[in-house]
């Protein structure tokens, strides 16, 4: 069993792009991360904690957790997203959050993974609905989907750090993790963006049909 912790950056009006990053690992890896990072974690927020980035990179390397991040330019989303996508998945955050989960599933193959998202984004419910549907019929690696506060889970700090660096174009810390083989960037092509809405709809409809079939079997 793995756990993935995901956080976002760039969702305010000032940002030109939105990023969702996620780090995944098993219990032993996250235990080491917590033990090493806790002495440095108080009141950490990537926006104003740049001096702690080297230490956080060191902790990520030592604990051997792996991360991915998805970035979408807001202008591209506005130009390419269909009305179907906007109404079914939501905004750029929701698309990034969904695609980041899909990238993590691809990386971990069939290993069951619990997904923990940082609370606070209203479009999180869109994402949870889709991932819960995937979990219902065994699609991907999803074992559970929950929200959590950054103040309660310092594991979210790694994703907060990477998403901030990606959205603000701070390349050196990201390059360090790229070079260590601990971070990947999921490239969102125009076709992926166009397909995201219909793909998510198909997932939810399949899950709904499976639930109806299950209810029918129980009634017999």
N, C-alpha and C. Protein backbone atom coordinates (compact mmCIF):
# COMPACT_ATOMS: atom_id res chain seq x y z
N UNK A 1 0.84 -1.19 0.00
CA UNK A 1 0.00 0.00 0.00
C UNK A 1 0.88 1.25 0.00
N UNK A 2 0.55 2.18 -0.88
CA UNK A 2 1.25 3.45 -0.95
C UNK A 2 0.30 4.57 -0.56
N UNK A 3 0.88 5.71 -0.20
CA UNK A 3 0.10 6.93 0.04
C UNK A 3 0.70 8.05 -0.78
N UNK A 4 -0.17 8.80 -1.44
CA UNK A 4 0.25 9.96 -2.23
C UNK A 4 -0.35 11.22 -1.63
N UNK A 5 0.48 12.23 -1.44
CA UNK A 5 0.05 13.52 -0.90
C UNK A 5 0.19 14.57 -2.01
N UNK A 6 -0.91 15.31 -2.28
CA UNK A 6 -0.95 16.23 -3.41
C UNK A 6 -1.33 17.63 -2.95
N UNK A 7 -0.70 18.62 -3.58
CA UNK A 7 -0.99 20.03 -3.27
C UNK A 7 -0.88 20.84 -4.55
N UNK A 8 -1.37 22.07 -4.51
CA UNK A 8 -1.46 22.90 -5.71
C UNK A 8 -0.82 24.26 -5.50
N UNK A 9 -0.63 24.95 -6.63
CA UNK A 9 -0.14 26.33 -6.61
C UNK A 9 -0.61 27.02 -7.88
N UNK A 10 -0.74 28.35 -7.79
CA UNK A 10 -1.08 29.13 -8.96
C UNK A 10 -2.56 29.32 -9.21
N UNK A 11 -3.39 28.97 -8.25
CA UNK A 11 -4.84 29.09 -8.47
C UNK A 11 -5.37 30.49 -8.21
N UNK A 12 -4.54 31.39 -7.66
CA UNK A 12 -5.01 32.76 -7.45
C UNK A 12 -5.04 33.51 -8.79
N UNK A 13 -5.59 34.70 -8.75
CA UNK A 13 -5.75 35.48 -9.98
C UNK A 13 -4.43 35.93 -10.59
N UNK A 14 -3.37 35.98 -9.79
CA UNK A 14 -2.08 36.49 -10.28
C UNK A 14 -1.33 35.47 -11.14
N UNK A 15 -1.51 34.20 -10.87
CA UNK A 15 -0.74 33.17 -11.54
C UNK A 15 -1.14 32.96 -12.99
N UNK A 16 -0.14 32.69 -13.84
CA UNK A 16 -0.40 32.41 -15.26
C UNK A 16 -0.63 30.92 -15.51
N UNK A 17 -0.16 30.09 -14.58
CA UNK A 17 -0.37 28.65 -14.75
C UNK A 17 -0.70 28.03 -13.40
N UNK A 18 -1.35 26.88 -13.45
CA UNK A 18 -1.73 26.12 -12.26
C UNK A 18 -0.93 24.83 -12.25
N UNK A 19 -0.44 24.46 -11.08
CA UNK A 19 0.32 23.22 -10.93
C UNK A 19 -0.25 22.40 -9.79
N UNK A 20 -0.38 21.11 -10.00
CA UNK A 20 -0.67 20.17 -8.91
C UNK A 20 0.47 19.16 -8.89
N UNK A 21 1.07 19.01 -7.72
CA UNK A 21 2.17 18.05 -7.54
C UNK A 21 1.76 17.00 -6.52
N UNK A 22 2.34 15.82 -6.66
CA UNK A 22 2.06 14.76 -5.71
C UNK A 22 3.29 13.92 -5.46
N UNK A 23 3.53 13.57 -4.21
CA UNK A 23 4.62 12.65 -3.85
C UNK A 23 4.01 11.38 -3.27
N UNK A 24 4.59 10.25 -3.63
CA UNK A 24 4.06 8.96 -3.17
C UNK A 24 5.19 8.12 -2.58
N UNK A 25 4.79 7.28 -1.63
CA UNK A 25 5.75 6.38 -0.99
C UNK A 25 5.03 5.43 -0.07
N UNK A 26 5.75 4.43 0.46
CA UNK A 26 5.13 3.50 1.41
C UNK A 26 5.27 4.05 2.83
N UNK A 27 4.76 3.29 3.80
CA UNK A 27 4.75 3.79 5.18
C UNK A 27 6.15 4.03 5.71
N UNK A 28 7.10 3.16 5.37
CA UNK A 28 8.46 3.35 5.87
C UNK A 28 9.09 4.61 5.29
N UNK A 29 8.84 4.88 4.02
CA UNK A 29 9.39 6.09 3.39
C UNK A 29 8.79 7.34 4.00
N UNK A 30 7.47 7.33 4.21
CA UNK A 30 6.84 8.51 4.80
C UNK A 30 7.23 8.68 6.27
N UNK A 31 7.47 7.58 6.97
CA UNK A 31 7.91 7.68 8.36
C UNK A 31 9.27 8.36 8.43
N UNK A 32 10.17 7.97 7.52
CA UNK A 32 11.48 8.62 7.49
C UNK A 32 11.35 10.09 7.12
N UNK A 33 10.47 10.38 6.14
CA UNK A 33 10.26 11.78 5.76
C UNK A 33 9.81 12.60 6.96
N UNK A 34 8.82 12.09 7.71
CA UNK A 34 8.31 12.82 8.86
C UNK A 34 9.39 13.02 9.92
N UNK A 35 10.14 11.97 10.20
CA UNK A 35 11.18 12.07 11.23
C UNK A 35 12.24 13.11 10.86
N UNK A 36 12.64 13.14 9.59
CA UNK A 36 13.70 14.05 9.16
C UNK A 36 13.20 15.48 8.98
N UNK A 37 11.96 15.62 8.55
CA UNK A 37 11.46 16.96 8.20
C UNK A 37 10.79 17.68 9.37
N UNK A 38 10.27 16.94 10.33
CA UNK A 38 9.52 17.56 11.42
C UNK A 38 10.29 18.68 12.13
N UNK A 39 11.58 18.53 12.42
CA UNK A 39 12.29 19.62 13.11
C UNK A 39 12.36 20.91 12.29
N UNK A 40 12.11 20.84 10.99
CA UNK A 40 12.23 22.01 10.11
C UNK A 40 10.88 22.46 9.54
N UNK A 41 9.80 21.84 9.99
CA UNK A 41 8.52 21.99 9.30
C UNK A 41 7.59 23.06 9.87
N UNK A 42 7.92 23.62 11.01
CA UNK A 42 6.99 24.53 11.67
C UNK A 42 6.65 25.73 10.78
N UNK A 43 5.36 25.95 10.61
CA UNK A 43 4.80 27.07 9.83
C UNK A 43 5.36 27.11 8.41
N UNK A 44 5.66 25.95 7.87
CA UNK A 44 6.18 25.91 6.49
C UNK A 44 5.06 26.21 5.50
N UNK A 45 5.34 27.11 4.61
CA UNK A 45 4.52 27.34 3.42
C UNK A 45 5.49 27.75 2.32
N UNK A 46 5.41 27.07 1.19
CA UNK A 46 6.42 27.27 0.15
C UNK A 46 6.54 28.71 -0.30
N UNK A 47 5.45 29.45 -0.24
CA UNK A 47 5.47 30.84 -0.71
C UNK A 47 6.47 31.69 0.04
N UNK A 48 6.68 31.40 1.33
CA UNK A 48 7.59 32.24 2.12
C UNK A 48 8.64 31.43 2.87
N UNK A 49 9.00 30.26 2.34
CA UNK A 49 9.96 29.40 3.03
C UNK A 49 11.10 28.95 2.12
N UNK A 50 11.48 29.82 1.19
CA UNK A 50 12.51 29.45 0.22
C UNK A 50 13.82 29.03 0.85
N UNK A 51 14.16 29.57 2.00
CA UNK A 51 15.43 29.23 2.63
C UNK A 51 15.47 27.77 3.08
N UNK A 52 14.30 27.15 3.20
CA UNK A 52 14.25 25.75 3.65
C UNK A 52 14.17 24.76 2.49
N UNK A 53 14.15 25.25 1.26
CA UNK A 53 14.05 24.34 0.11
C UNK A 53 15.21 23.34 0.02
N UNK A 54 16.47 23.79 0.22
CA UNK A 54 17.57 22.81 0.15
C UNK A 54 17.42 21.68 1.17
N UNK A 55 16.99 22.02 2.38
CA UNK A 55 16.80 20.99 3.40
C UNK A 55 15.68 20.05 3.01
N UNK A 56 14.60 20.59 2.46
CA UNK A 56 13.48 19.74 2.05
C UNK A 56 13.90 18.81 0.92
N UNK A 57 14.69 19.30 -0.01
CA UNK A 57 15.22 18.44 -1.07
C UNK A 57 16.05 17.31 -0.46
N UNK A 58 16.85 17.65 0.53
CA UNK A 58 17.69 16.66 1.21
C UNK A 58 16.83 15.58 1.86
N UNK A 59 15.74 15.99 2.48
CA UNK A 59 14.83 15.04 3.14
C UNK A 59 14.13 14.15 2.12
N UNK A 60 13.69 14.75 1.01
CA UNK A 60 13.05 13.97 -0.06
C UNK A 60 14.03 12.92 -0.60
N UNK A 61 15.27 13.33 -0.79
CA UNK A 61 16.29 12.39 -1.29
C UNK A 61 16.54 11.26 -0.30
N UNK A 62 16.63 11.60 0.98
CA UNK A 62 16.93 10.60 1.99
C UNK A 62 15.79 9.60 2.17
N UNK A 63 14.56 10.08 2.11
CA UNK A 63 13.41 9.20 2.31
C UNK A 63 13.00 8.47 1.03
N UNK A 64 13.53 8.92 -0.10
CA UNK A 64 13.32 8.26 -1.40
C UNK A 64 11.85 8.24 -1.82
N UNK A 65 11.09 9.27 -1.44
CA UNK A 65 9.74 9.40 -1.98
C UNK A 65 9.86 9.95 -3.40
N UNK A 66 8.89 9.63 -4.23
CA UNK A 66 8.92 10.05 -5.63
C UNK A 66 7.74 10.97 -5.93
N UNK A 67 7.98 11.93 -6.82
CA UNK A 67 6.95 12.91 -7.12
C UNK A 67 6.70 13.12 -8.60
N UNK A 68 5.52 13.60 -8.91
CA UNK A 68 5.17 14.04 -10.27
C UNK A 68 4.42 15.35 -10.14
N UNK A 69 4.45 16.15 -11.21
CA UNK A 69 3.63 17.35 -11.19
C UNK A 69 3.07 17.62 -12.58
N UNK A 70 1.88 18.23 -12.58
CA UNK A 70 1.16 18.58 -13.80
C UNK A 70 0.97 20.09 -13.81
N UNK A 71 1.31 20.72 -14.91
CA UNK A 71 1.14 22.17 -15.05
C UNK A 71 0.29 22.47 -16.28
N UNK A 72 -0.67 23.36 -16.12
CA UNK A 72 -1.51 23.81 -17.23
C UNK A 72 -1.53 25.33 -17.24
N UNK A 73 -1.21 25.90 -18.39
CA UNK A 73 -1.32 27.35 -18.53
C UNK A 73 -2.79 27.74 -18.61
N UNK A 74 -3.16 28.74 -17.85
CA UNK A 74 -4.56 29.15 -17.79
C UNK A 74 -5.09 29.58 -19.16
N UNK A 75 -4.25 30.25 -19.94
CA UNK A 75 -4.68 30.70 -21.27
C UNK A 75 -4.97 29.51 -22.18
N UNK A 76 -4.15 28.45 -22.07
CA UNK A 76 -4.39 27.25 -22.88
C UNK A 76 -5.70 26.58 -22.50
N UNK A 77 -5.96 26.51 -21.20
CA UNK A 77 -7.20 25.89 -20.75
C UNK A 77 -8.41 26.68 -21.25
N UNK A 78 -8.31 27.98 -21.16
CA UNK A 78 -9.42 28.82 -21.61
C UNK A 78 -9.66 28.64 -23.11
N UNK A 79 -8.58 28.48 -23.87
CA UNK A 79 -8.72 28.36 -25.32
C UNK A 79 -9.16 26.98 -25.77
N UNK A 80 -8.73 25.92 -25.05
CA UNK A 80 -8.91 24.56 -25.54
C UNK A 80 -9.98 23.75 -24.81
N UNK A 81 -10.27 24.10 -23.57
CA UNK A 81 -11.22 23.31 -22.80
C UNK A 81 -12.63 23.45 -23.37
N UNK A 82 -13.30 22.33 -23.55
CA UNK A 82 -14.67 22.36 -24.04
C UNK A 82 -15.62 22.73 -22.90
N UNK A 83 -16.83 23.11 -23.26
CA UNK A 83 -17.83 23.40 -22.24
C UNK A 83 -18.13 22.16 -21.42
N UNK A 84 -18.07 21.00 -22.08
CA UNK A 84 -18.28 19.74 -21.39
C UNK A 84 -17.25 19.56 -20.28
N UNK A 85 -15.97 19.83 -20.59
CA UNK A 85 -14.92 19.68 -19.60
C UNK A 85 -15.13 20.65 -18.44
N UNK A 86 -15.44 21.90 -18.77
CA UNK A 86 -15.60 22.91 -17.73
C UNK A 86 -16.75 22.56 -16.79
N UNK A 87 -17.84 22.01 -17.35
CA UNK A 87 -19.00 21.71 -16.53
C UNK A 87 -18.85 20.40 -15.75
N UNK A 88 -18.10 19.44 -16.33
CA UNK A 88 -18.01 18.13 -15.68
C UNK A 88 -16.82 18.04 -14.73
N UNK A 89 -15.65 18.51 -15.14
CA UNK A 89 -14.47 18.44 -14.27
C UNK A 89 -14.29 19.72 -13.47
N UNK A 90 -14.48 20.86 -14.12
CA UNK A 90 -14.32 22.12 -13.40
C UNK A 90 -13.20 22.97 -13.95
N UNK A 91 -12.44 23.58 -13.07
CA UNK A 91 -11.43 24.56 -13.48
C UNK A 91 -10.06 23.91 -13.70
N UNK A 92 -9.06 24.75 -13.91
CA UNK A 92 -7.71 24.22 -14.17
C UNK A 92 -7.17 23.41 -13.00
N UNK A 93 -7.50 23.80 -11.78
CA UNK A 93 -7.06 23.01 -10.62
C UNK A 93 -7.59 21.59 -10.72
N UNK A 94 -8.89 21.44 -11.00
CA UNK A 94 -9.50 20.11 -11.03
C UNK A 94 -8.88 19.24 -12.12
N UNK A 95 -8.62 19.83 -13.28
CA UNK A 95 -8.00 19.07 -14.37
C UNK A 95 -6.59 18.62 -13.96
N UNK A 96 -5.81 19.54 -13.40
CA UNK A 96 -4.45 19.18 -12.95
C UNK A 96 -4.49 18.10 -11.87
N UNK A 97 -5.43 18.23 -10.93
CA UNK A 97 -5.52 17.28 -9.83
C UNK A 97 -5.89 15.89 -10.34
N UNK A 98 -6.80 15.84 -11.30
CA UNK A 98 -7.19 14.56 -11.90
C UNK A 98 -6.03 13.95 -12.67
N UNK A 99 -5.39 14.74 -13.52
CA UNK A 99 -4.30 14.22 -14.35
C UNK A 99 -3.08 13.83 -13.50
N UNK A 100 -2.86 14.54 -12.40
CA UNK A 100 -1.74 14.18 -11.51
C UNK A 100 -1.99 12.80 -10.89
N UNK A 101 -3.23 12.55 -10.47
CA UNK A 101 -3.56 11.23 -9.93
C UNK A 101 -3.36 10.15 -10.98
N UNK A 102 -3.75 10.43 -12.23
CA UNK A 102 -3.59 9.45 -13.30
C UNK A 102 -2.10 9.17 -13.57
N UNK A 103 -1.28 10.22 -13.49
CA UNK A 103 0.16 10.04 -13.70
C UNK A 103 0.77 9.20 -12.58
N UNK A 104 0.32 9.43 -11.35
CA UNK A 104 0.84 8.63 -10.23
C UNK A 104 0.43 7.16 -10.41
N UNK A 105 -0.82 6.93 -10.83
CA UNK A 105 -1.26 5.55 -11.08
C UNK A 105 -0.39 4.88 -12.14
N UNK A 106 -0.02 5.64 -13.15
CA UNK A 106 0.83 5.09 -14.20
C UNK A 106 2.21 4.74 -13.64
N UNK A 107 2.71 5.57 -12.74
CA UNK A 107 4.05 5.34 -12.18
C UNK A 107 4.07 4.12 -11.25
N UNK A 108 3.02 3.96 -10.43
CA UNK A 108 3.03 2.88 -9.43
C UNK A 108 2.44 1.59 -9.96
N UNK A 109 1.95 1.62 -11.21
CA UNK A 109 1.32 0.44 -11.84
C UNK A 109 0.08 0.05 -11.05
N UNK A 110 0.03 -1.18 -10.54
CA UNK A 110 -1.19 -1.67 -9.90
C UNK A 110 -1.13 -1.65 -8.38
N UNK A 111 -0.16 -0.97 -7.81
CA UNK A 111 -0.05 -0.94 -6.35
C UNK A 111 -1.14 -0.05 -5.77
N UNK A 112 -1.99 -0.56 -4.86
CA UNK A 112 -3.05 0.27 -4.26
C UNK A 112 -2.47 1.51 -3.60
N UNK A 113 -3.09 2.66 -3.86
CA UNK A 113 -2.56 3.93 -3.38
C UNK A 113 -3.68 4.80 -2.82
N UNK A 114 -3.47 5.31 -1.62
CA UNK A 114 -4.40 6.26 -1.02
C UNK A 114 -3.97 7.67 -1.39
N UNK A 115 -4.93 8.46 -1.87
CA UNK A 115 -4.64 9.83 -2.31
C UNK A 115 -5.15 10.82 -1.27
N UNK A 116 -4.25 11.70 -0.85
CA UNK A 116 -4.59 12.74 0.14
C UNK A 116 -4.33 14.08 -0.51
N UNK A 117 -5.39 14.88 -0.69
CA UNK A 117 -5.29 16.20 -1.29
C UNK A 117 -5.37 17.27 -0.22
N UNK A 118 -4.63 18.34 -0.41
CA UNK A 118 -4.72 19.48 0.51
C UNK A 118 -6.10 20.11 0.39
N UNK A 119 -6.75 20.32 1.53
CA UNK A 119 -8.10 20.89 1.56
C UNK A 119 -8.08 22.37 1.17
N UNK A 120 -9.23 22.84 0.72
CA UNK A 120 -9.37 24.27 0.49
C UNK A 120 -9.81 24.64 -0.91
N UNK A 121 -9.64 23.73 -1.86
CA UNK A 121 -10.06 24.01 -3.23
C UNK A 121 -11.50 23.55 -3.43
N UNK A 122 -12.41 24.47 -3.79
CA UNK A 122 -13.81 24.08 -3.96
C UNK A 122 -14.02 23.04 -5.04
N UNK A 123 -13.16 23.02 -6.07
CA UNK A 123 -13.31 22.04 -7.14
C UNK A 123 -12.77 20.65 -6.78
N UNK A 124 -12.29 20.49 -5.54
CA UNK A 124 -11.82 19.18 -5.11
C UNK A 124 -12.93 18.14 -5.21
N UNK A 125 -14.18 18.55 -4.96
CA UNK A 125 -15.28 17.59 -5.00
C UNK A 125 -15.48 17.02 -6.40
N UNK A 126 -15.19 17.83 -7.44
CA UNK A 126 -15.24 17.30 -8.81
C UNK A 126 -14.24 16.15 -8.94
N UNK A 127 -13.04 16.40 -8.47
CA UNK A 127 -11.97 15.41 -8.58
C UNK A 127 -12.31 14.16 -7.77
N UNK A 128 -12.78 14.36 -6.57
CA UNK A 128 -13.10 13.22 -5.70
C UNK A 128 -14.18 12.35 -6.33
N UNK A 129 -15.16 12.97 -6.95
CA UNK A 129 -16.24 12.21 -7.58
C UNK A 129 -15.69 11.28 -8.66
N UNK A 130 -14.77 11.79 -9.47
CA UNK A 130 -14.20 10.98 -10.55
C UNK A 130 -13.32 9.87 -9.99
N UNK A 131 -12.46 10.20 -9.03
CA UNK A 131 -11.55 9.19 -8.47
C UNK A 131 -12.32 8.14 -7.66
N UNK A 132 -13.37 8.56 -6.96
CA UNK A 132 -14.21 7.59 -6.24
C UNK A 132 -14.87 6.63 -7.23
N UNK A 133 -15.29 7.16 -8.38
CA UNK A 133 -15.90 6.31 -9.41
C UNK A 133 -14.89 5.29 -9.92
N UNK A 134 -13.66 5.74 -10.13
CA UNK A 134 -12.62 4.81 -10.58
C UNK A 134 -12.37 3.73 -9.54
N UNK A 135 -12.38 4.13 -8.28
CA UNK A 135 -12.16 3.17 -7.19
C UNK A 135 -13.29 2.15 -7.15
N UNK A 136 -14.52 2.58 -7.44
CA UNK A 136 -15.68 1.69 -7.37
C UNK A 136 -15.55 0.49 -8.28
N UNK A 137 -15.00 0.69 -9.47
CA UNK A 137 -14.91 -0.45 -10.38
C UNK A 137 -13.47 -0.89 -10.63
N UNK A 138 -12.57 -0.52 -9.70
CA UNK A 138 -11.22 -1.06 -9.74
C UNK A 138 -10.34 -0.51 -10.84
N UNK A 139 -10.65 0.67 -11.33
CA UNK A 139 -9.83 1.29 -12.37
C UNK A 139 -8.62 1.97 -11.73
N UNK A 140 -7.44 1.73 -12.27
CA UNK A 140 -6.25 2.39 -11.75
C UNK A 140 -5.82 1.80 -10.42
N UNK A 141 -5.13 2.60 -9.63
CA UNK A 141 -4.52 2.11 -8.39
C UNK A 141 -5.20 2.69 -7.16
N UNK A 142 -6.33 3.34 -7.31
CA UNK A 142 -6.90 4.17 -6.25
C UNK A 142 -7.54 3.33 -5.14
N UNK A 143 -7.04 3.52 -3.90
CA UNK A 143 -7.58 2.81 -2.74
C UNK A 143 -8.51 3.71 -1.92
N UNK A 144 -8.23 5.01 -1.89
CA UNK A 144 -9.08 5.96 -1.16
C UNK A 144 -8.72 7.37 -1.60
N UNK A 145 -9.65 8.31 -1.36
CA UNK A 145 -9.43 9.71 -1.70
C UNK A 145 -9.95 10.56 -0.55
N UNK A 146 -9.06 11.36 0.05
CA UNK A 146 -9.46 12.20 1.17
C UNK A 146 -8.82 13.58 1.06
N UNK A 147 -9.35 14.51 1.83
CA UNK A 147 -8.77 15.85 1.94
C UNK A 147 -8.13 16.02 3.31
N UNK A 148 -7.11 16.86 3.41
CA UNK A 148 -6.42 17.06 4.68
C UNK A 148 -5.85 18.47 4.75
N UNK A 149 -5.62 18.94 5.96
CA UNK A 149 -5.04 20.27 6.16
C UNK A 149 -3.52 20.17 6.22
N UNK A 150 -2.86 21.14 5.57
CA UNK A 150 -1.40 21.16 5.55
C UNK A 150 -0.83 21.27 6.97
N UNK A 151 -1.56 21.93 7.84
CA UNK A 151 -1.07 22.09 9.21
C UNK A 151 -1.04 20.75 9.95
N UNK A 152 -1.86 19.81 9.51
CA UNK A 152 -1.96 18.51 10.19
C UNK A 152 -1.10 17.43 9.55
N UNK A 153 -0.71 17.63 8.29
CA UNK A 153 0.05 16.61 7.57
C UNK A 153 1.27 17.26 6.91
N UNK A 154 2.42 17.12 7.56
CA UNK A 154 3.63 17.73 6.99
C UNK A 154 4.07 17.01 5.72
N UNK A 155 3.49 15.84 5.46
CA UNK A 155 3.79 15.13 4.21
C UNK A 155 3.38 15.96 2.99
N UNK A 156 2.41 16.85 3.17
CA UNK A 156 1.96 17.70 2.07
C UNK A 156 2.99 18.76 1.69
N UNK A 157 3.98 18.99 2.55
CA UNK A 157 4.95 20.05 2.29
C UNK A 157 5.78 19.79 1.03
N UNK A 158 6.07 18.53 0.76
CA UNK A 158 6.86 18.21 -0.44
C UNK A 158 6.11 18.62 -1.70
N UNK A 159 4.82 18.31 -1.77
CA UNK A 159 4.02 18.68 -2.94
C UNK A 159 3.80 20.19 -3.00
N UNK A 160 3.65 20.82 -1.85
CA UNK A 160 3.50 22.28 -1.80
C UNK A 160 4.74 22.95 -2.39
N UNK A 161 5.90 22.46 -2.00
CA UNK A 161 7.17 23.00 -2.47
C UNK A 161 7.33 22.86 -3.98
N UNK A 162 7.06 21.66 -4.52
CA UNK A 162 7.25 21.44 -5.95
C UNK A 162 6.21 22.21 -6.77
N UNK A 163 4.97 22.22 -6.33
CA UNK A 163 3.94 22.95 -7.08
C UNK A 163 4.25 24.44 -7.11
N UNK A 164 4.73 24.97 -5.99
CA UNK A 164 5.10 26.39 -5.94
C UNK A 164 6.25 26.68 -6.90
N UNK A 165 7.29 25.86 -6.87
CA UNK A 165 8.46 26.09 -7.74
C UNK A 165 8.06 26.00 -9.21
N UNK A 166 7.19 25.06 -9.55
CA UNK A 166 6.77 24.91 -10.94
C UNK A 166 5.96 26.10 -11.41
N UNK A 167 5.02 26.56 -10.59
CA UNK A 167 4.17 27.68 -10.99
C UNK A 167 4.91 29.01 -11.00
N UNK A 168 5.96 29.14 -10.18
CA UNK A 168 6.73 30.38 -10.12
C UNK A 168 8.04 30.29 -10.90
N UNK A 169 8.25 29.18 -11.60
CA UNK A 169 9.41 28.98 -12.48
C UNK A 169 10.74 29.05 -11.73
N UNK A 170 10.76 28.48 -10.52
CA UNK A 170 12.01 28.35 -9.77
C UNK A 170 12.63 26.99 -10.14
N UNK A 171 13.48 26.98 -11.14
CA UNK A 171 13.95 25.73 -11.73
C UNK A 171 15.02 24.98 -10.93
N UNK A 172 15.97 25.66 -10.26
CA UNK A 172 17.05 24.91 -9.61
C UNK A 172 16.59 23.82 -8.63
N UNK A 173 15.64 24.09 -7.72
CA UNK A 173 15.23 23.00 -6.81
C UNK A 173 14.59 21.83 -7.56
N UNK A 174 13.81 22.14 -8.61
CA UNK A 174 13.19 21.07 -9.39
C UNK A 174 14.26 20.25 -10.11
N UNK A 175 15.26 20.95 -10.66
CA UNK A 175 16.31 20.26 -11.39
C UNK A 175 17.08 19.30 -10.47
N UNK A 176 17.27 19.70 -9.24
CA UNK A 176 17.96 18.82 -8.28
C UNK A 176 17.20 17.50 -8.14
N UNK A 177 15.88 17.56 -8.03
CA UNK A 177 15.09 16.35 -7.87
C UNK A 177 14.98 15.58 -9.19
N UNK A 178 14.94 16.30 -10.32
CA UNK A 178 14.99 15.62 -11.62
C UNK A 178 16.28 14.79 -11.73
N UNK A 179 17.39 15.44 -11.39
CA UNK A 179 18.69 14.78 -11.50
C UNK A 179 18.80 13.56 -10.58
N UNK A 180 18.10 13.61 -9.46
CA UNK A 180 18.13 12.50 -8.52
C UNK A 180 17.17 11.38 -8.92
N UNK A 181 16.40 11.60 -9.99
CA UNK A 181 15.44 10.59 -10.44
C UNK A 181 14.23 10.47 -9.55
N UNK A 182 13.92 11.53 -8.79
CA UNK A 182 12.82 11.50 -7.83
C UNK A 182 11.62 12.34 -8.25
N UNK A 183 11.69 12.98 -9.42
CA UNK A 183 10.61 13.86 -9.84
C UNK A 183 10.42 13.76 -11.35
N UNK A 184 9.14 13.76 -11.77
CA UNK A 184 8.80 13.75 -13.19
C UNK A 184 7.75 14.82 -13.45
N UNK A 185 7.80 15.34 -14.67
CA UNK A 185 6.81 16.33 -15.10
C UNK A 185 5.89 15.67 -16.11
N UNK A 186 4.60 15.61 -15.78
CA UNK A 186 3.62 15.05 -16.70
C UNK A 186 3.22 16.09 -17.73
N UNK A 187 3.63 15.91 -18.96
CA UNK A 187 3.35 16.89 -20.00
C UNK A 187 1.90 16.77 -20.48
N UNK A 188 1.19 17.88 -20.47
CA UNK A 188 -0.21 17.91 -20.90
C UNK A 188 -0.26 18.44 -22.33
N UNK A 189 -0.51 17.55 -23.27
CA UNK A 189 -0.61 17.97 -24.66
C UNK A 189 -2.00 18.53 -24.93
N UNK A 190 -2.13 19.16 -26.08
CA UNK A 190 -3.43 19.70 -26.48
C UNK A 190 -4.47 18.58 -26.55
N UNK A 191 -4.07 17.41 -27.06
CA UNK A 191 -5.02 16.30 -27.19
C UNK A 191 -5.45 15.77 -25.83
N UNK A 192 -4.50 15.67 -24.90
CA UNK A 192 -4.85 15.23 -23.54
C UNK A 192 -5.86 16.17 -22.92
N UNK A 193 -5.64 17.46 -23.11
CA UNK A 193 -6.55 18.45 -22.55
C UNK A 193 -7.94 18.33 -23.17
N UNK A 194 -7.99 18.10 -24.47
CA UNK A 194 -9.28 17.96 -25.15
C UNK A 194 -10.01 16.69 -24.71
N UNK A 195 -9.24 15.63 -24.41
CA UNK A 195 -9.84 14.33 -24.09
C UNK A 195 -10.22 14.19 -22.62
N UNK A 196 -9.71 15.06 -21.76
CA UNK A 196 -9.88 14.87 -20.32
C UNK A 196 -11.34 14.85 -19.89
N UNK A 197 -12.15 15.77 -20.42
CA UNK A 197 -13.56 15.82 -20.03
C UNK A 197 -14.32 14.57 -20.41
N UNK A 198 -14.32 14.17 -21.70
CA UNK A 198 -15.02 12.94 -22.10
C UNK A 198 -14.51 11.70 -21.38
N UNK A 199 -13.21 11.63 -21.13
CA UNK A 199 -12.65 10.47 -20.42
C UNK A 199 -13.20 10.38 -19.00
N UNK A 200 -13.25 11.52 -18.33
CA UNK A 200 -13.77 11.55 -16.96
C UNK A 200 -15.25 11.18 -16.94
N UNK A 201 -16.01 11.67 -17.92
CA UNK A 201 -17.43 11.33 -18.01
C UNK A 201 -17.62 9.84 -18.17
N UNK A 202 -16.83 9.23 -19.05
CA UNK A 202 -16.93 7.79 -19.28
C UNK A 202 -16.64 7.00 -18.01
N UNK A 203 -15.65 7.46 -17.24
CA UNK A 203 -15.30 6.79 -15.98
C UNK A 203 -16.48 6.80 -15.02
N UNK A 204 -17.10 7.97 -14.83
CA UNK A 204 -18.20 8.08 -13.88
C UNK A 204 -19.41 7.29 -14.36
N UNK A 205 -19.72 7.35 -15.65
CA UNK A 205 -20.87 6.60 -16.17
C UNK A 205 -20.67 5.10 -16.01
N UNK A 206 -19.44 4.62 -16.23
CA UNK A 206 -19.16 3.20 -16.05
C UNK A 206 -19.37 2.79 -14.60
N UNK A 207 -18.91 3.63 -13.67
CA UNK A 207 -19.08 3.33 -12.25
C UNK A 207 -20.55 3.33 -11.87
N UNK A 208 -21.32 4.30 -12.39
CA UNK A 208 -22.75 4.35 -12.10
C UNK A 208 -23.45 3.10 -12.59
N UNK A 209 -23.09 2.65 -13.80
CA UNK A 209 -23.69 1.43 -14.35
C UNK A 209 -23.35 0.21 -13.51
N UNK A 210 -22.10 0.16 -13.04
CA UNK A 210 -21.69 -0.96 -12.20
C UNK A 210 -22.46 -0.98 -10.88
N UNK A 211 -22.68 0.22 -10.32
CA UNK A 211 -23.44 0.29 -9.07
C UNK A 211 -24.88 -0.16 -9.27
N UNK A 212 -25.48 0.22 -10.41
CA UNK A 212 -26.85 -0.20 -10.71
C UNK A 212 -26.93 -1.71 -10.88
N UNK A 213 -25.94 -2.28 -11.55
CA UNK A 213 -25.91 -3.74 -11.73
C UNK A 213 -25.79 -4.43 -10.37
N UNK A 214 -24.94 -3.87 -9.50
CA UNK A 214 -24.75 -4.47 -8.17
C UNK A 214 -26.04 -4.44 -7.36
N UNK A 215 -26.78 -3.33 -7.45
CA UNK A 215 -28.05 -3.22 -6.73
C UNK A 215 -29.05 -4.25 -7.27
N UNK A 216 -29.04 -4.43 -8.60
CA UNK A 216 -29.92 -5.41 -9.21
C UNK A 216 -29.63 -6.83 -8.75
N UNK A 217 -28.34 -7.16 -8.62
CA UNK A 217 -27.96 -8.50 -8.16
C UNK A 217 -28.37 -8.72 -6.72
N UNK A 218 -28.27 -7.67 -5.88
CA UNK A 218 -28.64 -7.82 -4.47
C UNK A 218 -30.14 -8.04 -4.31
N UNK A 219 -30.94 -7.51 -5.22
CA UNK A 219 -32.39 -7.65 -5.11
C UNK A 219 -32.88 -9.04 -5.50
N UNK A 220 -32.06 -9.79 -6.25
CA UNK A 220 -32.49 -11.12 -6.71
C UNK A 220 -32.47 -12.17 -5.60
